[in-house]
Protein backbone atom coordinates (compact mmCIF):
# COMPACT_ATOMS: atom_id res chain seq x y z
CA MET A 1 165.24 -62.55 -35.28
CA GLN A 2 165.87 -60.50 -38.35
CA ILE A 3 163.17 -60.99 -40.97
CA GLN A 4 165.84 -61.36 -43.67
CA ARG A 5 166.96 -64.58 -41.96
CA VAL A 6 163.56 -66.32 -41.99
CA THR A 7 163.83 -67.65 -45.53
CA SER A 8 167.36 -69.02 -45.11
CA LEU A 9 166.45 -70.52 -41.72
CA LEU A 10 163.38 -72.24 -43.14
CA GLN A 11 165.44 -73.57 -46.02
CA GLY A 12 168.02 -74.89 -43.55
CA ILE A 13 165.35 -76.56 -41.42
CA ALA A 14 163.76 -78.15 -44.49
CA SER A 15 167.18 -79.34 -45.65
CA ALA A 16 167.95 -80.88 -42.23
CA ARG A 17 164.55 -82.61 -42.14
CA SER A 18 165.02 -83.89 -45.69
CA TRP A 19 168.48 -85.23 -44.84
CA LEU A 20 167.10 -86.97 -41.76
CA ARG A 21 164.27 -88.61 -43.70
CA LYS A 22 166.71 -89.83 -46.34
CA HIS A 23 169.45 -91.15 -44.02
CA ILE A 24 167.91 -92.01 -40.64
CA PRO A 25 165.54 -94.99 -40.56
CA LEU A 26 162.00 -94.38 -39.28
CA THR A 27 162.11 -90.58 -39.34
CA SER A 28 159.60 -90.15 -42.15
CA SER A 29 156.79 -89.96 -39.57
CA MET A 30 156.75 -87.03 -37.16
CA ALA A 31 156.67 -89.46 -34.22
CA GLY A 32 159.82 -91.22 -35.47
CA TYR A 33 161.48 -87.89 -36.22
CA ASP A 34 160.63 -86.50 -32.77
CA LEU A 35 161.73 -89.68 -31.03
CA PHE A 36 165.09 -89.71 -32.83
CA LEU A 37 165.72 -86.08 -31.84
CA LYS A 38 164.60 -86.68 -28.23
CA ILE A 39 166.83 -89.74 -27.82
CA ALA A 40 169.72 -87.86 -29.46
CA ASN A 41 169.23 -84.84 -27.20
CA ASP A 42 168.90 -86.84 -24.00
CA THR A 43 171.87 -89.05 -24.91
CA THR A 44 174.18 -86.10 -25.52
CA ALA A 45 172.88 -84.35 -22.38
CA GLY A 46 173.53 -87.47 -20.28
CA LYS A 47 169.87 -87.79 -19.27
CA PRO A 48 168.30 -91.18 -18.52
CA LEU A 49 166.46 -92.78 -21.42
CA THR A 50 163.37 -94.10 -19.71
CA LEU A 51 159.87 -94.33 -21.11
CA PRO A 52 158.48 -91.75 -18.65
CA SER A 53 161.25 -89.24 -19.46
CA LEU A 54 160.76 -89.74 -23.20
CA LEU A 55 156.98 -89.32 -22.92
CA VAL A 56 157.35 -86.05 -21.02
CA GLY A 57 159.38 -84.57 -23.85
CA LEU A 58 157.24 -85.84 -26.72
CA GLN A 59 153.79 -84.72 -27.78
CA HIS A 60 152.68 -88.17 -28.90
CA PRO A 61 150.49 -90.74 -27.13
CA GLU A 62 152.31 -93.50 -25.26
CA ARG A 63 151.14 -96.19 -27.69
CA VAL A 64 152.61 -94.23 -30.64
CA VAL A 65 155.95 -93.75 -28.86
CA LEU A 66 156.09 -97.44 -27.89
CA HIS A 67 155.33 -98.44 -31.48
CA GLN A 68 158.17 -96.22 -32.75
CA MET A 69 160.52 -97.57 -30.07
CA ARG A 70 159.78 -101.16 -31.16
CA LYS A 71 160.51 -100.19 -34.76
CA MET A 72 163.78 -98.50 -33.71
CA GLU A 73 164.78 -101.59 -31.75
CA ALA A 74 164.00 -103.83 -34.75
CA ALA A 75 166.11 -101.52 -36.94
CA GLY A 76 169.06 -101.87 -34.54
CA LEU A 77 169.01 -98.26 -33.38
CA ILE A 78 168.23 -98.88 -29.70
CA ARG A 79 168.46 -101.67 -27.13
CA SER A 80 165.68 -102.02 -24.60
CA HIS A 81 165.79 -102.97 -20.97
CA ALA A 82 162.80 -103.85 -18.80
CA GLY A 83 160.50 -104.17 -21.80
CA LEU A 84 161.15 -100.76 -23.40
CA HIS A 85 160.89 -98.91 -20.08
CA ALA A 86 164.58 -98.09 -20.37
CA ILE A 87 166.60 -97.91 -23.57
CA GLU A 88 170.09 -97.16 -24.78
CA PRO A 89 171.25 -96.10 -28.22
CA THR A 90 173.31 -98.58 -30.22
CA GLU A 91 176.56 -97.82 -32.03
CA LYS A 92 174.52 -97.60 -35.23
CA PHE A 93 172.34 -94.87 -33.66
CA LEU A 94 175.42 -92.98 -32.44
CA GLN A 95 177.03 -93.11 -35.90
CA LEU A 96 173.84 -91.80 -37.50
CA LEU A 97 173.72 -89.05 -34.86
CA LYS A 98 177.31 -88.10 -35.66
CA SER A 99 176.47 -87.90 -39.37
CA PHE A 100 173.38 -85.81 -38.62
CA SER A 101 175.41 -83.46 -36.39
CA GLN A 102 177.89 -82.87 -39.21
CA GLN A 103 175.06 -82.20 -41.65
CA PHE A 104 173.31 -79.85 -39.21
CA GLU A 105 176.49 -77.92 -38.46
CA SER A 106 177.05 -77.43 -42.19
CA LEU A 107 173.65 -75.69 -42.39
CA PHE A 108 173.64 -73.55 -39.27
CA ILE A 109 176.03 -71.49 -37.22
CA LEU A 110 175.23 -72.22 -33.60
CA ARG A 111 175.02 -68.67 -32.30
CA LYS A 112 175.74 -69.20 -28.59
CA GLY A 113 178.98 -71.10 -29.18
CA LEU A 114 180.15 -68.55 -31.72
CA ARG A 115 179.24 -65.67 -29.41
CA ASP A 116 181.04 -67.31 -26.48
CA GLN A 117 184.21 -67.66 -28.57
CA GLN A 118 184.23 -64.19 -30.10
CA LEU A 119 182.52 -61.78 -27.74
CA VAL A 120 183.90 -60.51 -24.47
CA ILE A 121 181.53 -58.31 -22.44
CA GLY A 122 183.07 -56.50 -19.49
CA THR A 123 180.01 -55.43 -17.51
CA GLU A 124 177.98 -56.61 -14.55
CA ASP A 125 174.89 -54.75 -15.82
CA ALA A 126 172.49 -57.46 -17.06
CA ALA A 127 170.52 -55.07 -19.30
CA LEU A 128 173.69 -53.79 -20.93
CA ARG A 129 174.96 -57.36 -21.36
CA ASP A 130 171.68 -58.33 -23.10
CA PHE A 131 171.92 -55.25 -25.31
CA VAL A 132 175.51 -56.03 -26.33
CA GLU A 133 174.60 -59.66 -27.10
CA SER A 134 171.64 -58.48 -29.17
CA LEU A 135 173.86 -56.01 -30.99
CA TYR A 136 176.39 -58.76 -31.67
CA ASP A 137 173.65 -61.08 -32.95
CA HIS A 138 172.40 -58.44 -35.37
CA PHE A 139 175.82 -57.28 -36.42
CA TYR A 140 177.35 -60.71 -36.84
CA ASP A 141 174.40 -62.30 -38.59
CA LEU A 142 176.22 -63.15 -41.81
CA GLY A 143 173.39 -65.18 -43.34
CA TRP A 144 172.00 -62.17 -45.16
CA LEU A 145 175.51 -61.00 -46.03
CA TYR A 146 176.07 -64.13 -48.09
CA LEU A 147 172.87 -63.41 -50.00
CA HIS A 148 174.00 -59.90 -50.95
CA ASN A 149 177.58 -60.29 -52.09
CA PHE A 150 177.98 -56.79 -53.46
CA GLY A 151 177.19 -53.59 -51.61
CA SER A 152 176.69 -55.37 -48.31
CA ALA A 153 179.45 -53.57 -46.46
CA CYS A 154 177.30 -50.43 -46.16
CA PHE A 155 174.48 -52.39 -44.56
CA LEU A 156 176.89 -54.28 -42.33
CA MET A 157 178.50 -51.07 -41.11
CA ALA A 158 175.10 -49.43 -40.52
CA THR A 159 173.79 -52.32 -38.42
CA PRO A 160 175.21 -51.28 -35.01
CA ALA A 161 173.76 -47.77 -35.25
CA SER A 162 170.36 -49.00 -36.44
CA CYS A 163 170.20 -51.51 -33.57
CA SER A 164 171.37 -49.18 -30.82
CA ALA A 165 169.44 -46.04 -31.81
CA PRO A 166 166.00 -47.34 -30.71
CA LYS A 167 167.47 -48.09 -27.26
CA GLY A 168 168.81 -44.54 -26.95
CA THR A 169 172.43 -45.62 -27.13
CA PRO A 170 174.54 -43.79 -29.69
CA SER A 171 177.09 -45.87 -31.55
CA ARG A 172 179.30 -45.74 -34.57
CA ALA A 173 181.15 -48.31 -36.61
CA ARG A 174 184.73 -48.12 -37.71
CA SER A 175 186.27 -49.91 -40.61
CA THR A 176 189.77 -51.32 -40.49
CA VAL A 177 191.96 -52.58 -43.26
CA MET A 178 194.73 -54.94 -42.27
CA ARG A 179 197.62 -55.76 -44.56
CA CYS A 180 199.84 -58.73 -43.75
CA ALA A 181 203.31 -58.86 -45.23
CA SER A 182 203.44 -62.61 -44.71
CA TRP A 183 201.18 -65.19 -43.16
CA THR A 184 201.46 -68.85 -42.39
CA SER A 185 198.80 -71.24 -41.25
CA ARG A 186 199.45 -73.00 -37.96
């Protein structure tokens, strides 16, 4: 990770946590926060929501997790089956998760999805593939670019060479100007 990104990442994480505490019931404690994220993750991944599976993924004692689950059930966020040994999120939980996802996506660019959409690597060489992905991540890390509105093009253009030189791979950047006579949004 580029050191320039640490401050903006920490600010984004703090903003996401603050939003969660303000809008999602029971997330002011770390146990409630962790449980919300674990249930959200396992729900979207299609994993079973059982007490054993939740306990494996959380670093809290069972009694603390059970206490938080009872509070979530009382708040209408989850429904329990078999005495909290299996749960399911309610519509209220899913709506809060949708709101949180929108908030989170407004703070962060999810790198893998962006890379998968924009980068095509035509090699079977795993080391070269890793290098190209690393180069892309450094080159297309626009977080610092937004912080330095003027004069950033020089740094942006120098990034590929500064990233590839330590690996012994020469590179150069080219700049292109594109002029469109007309353009319509589709």
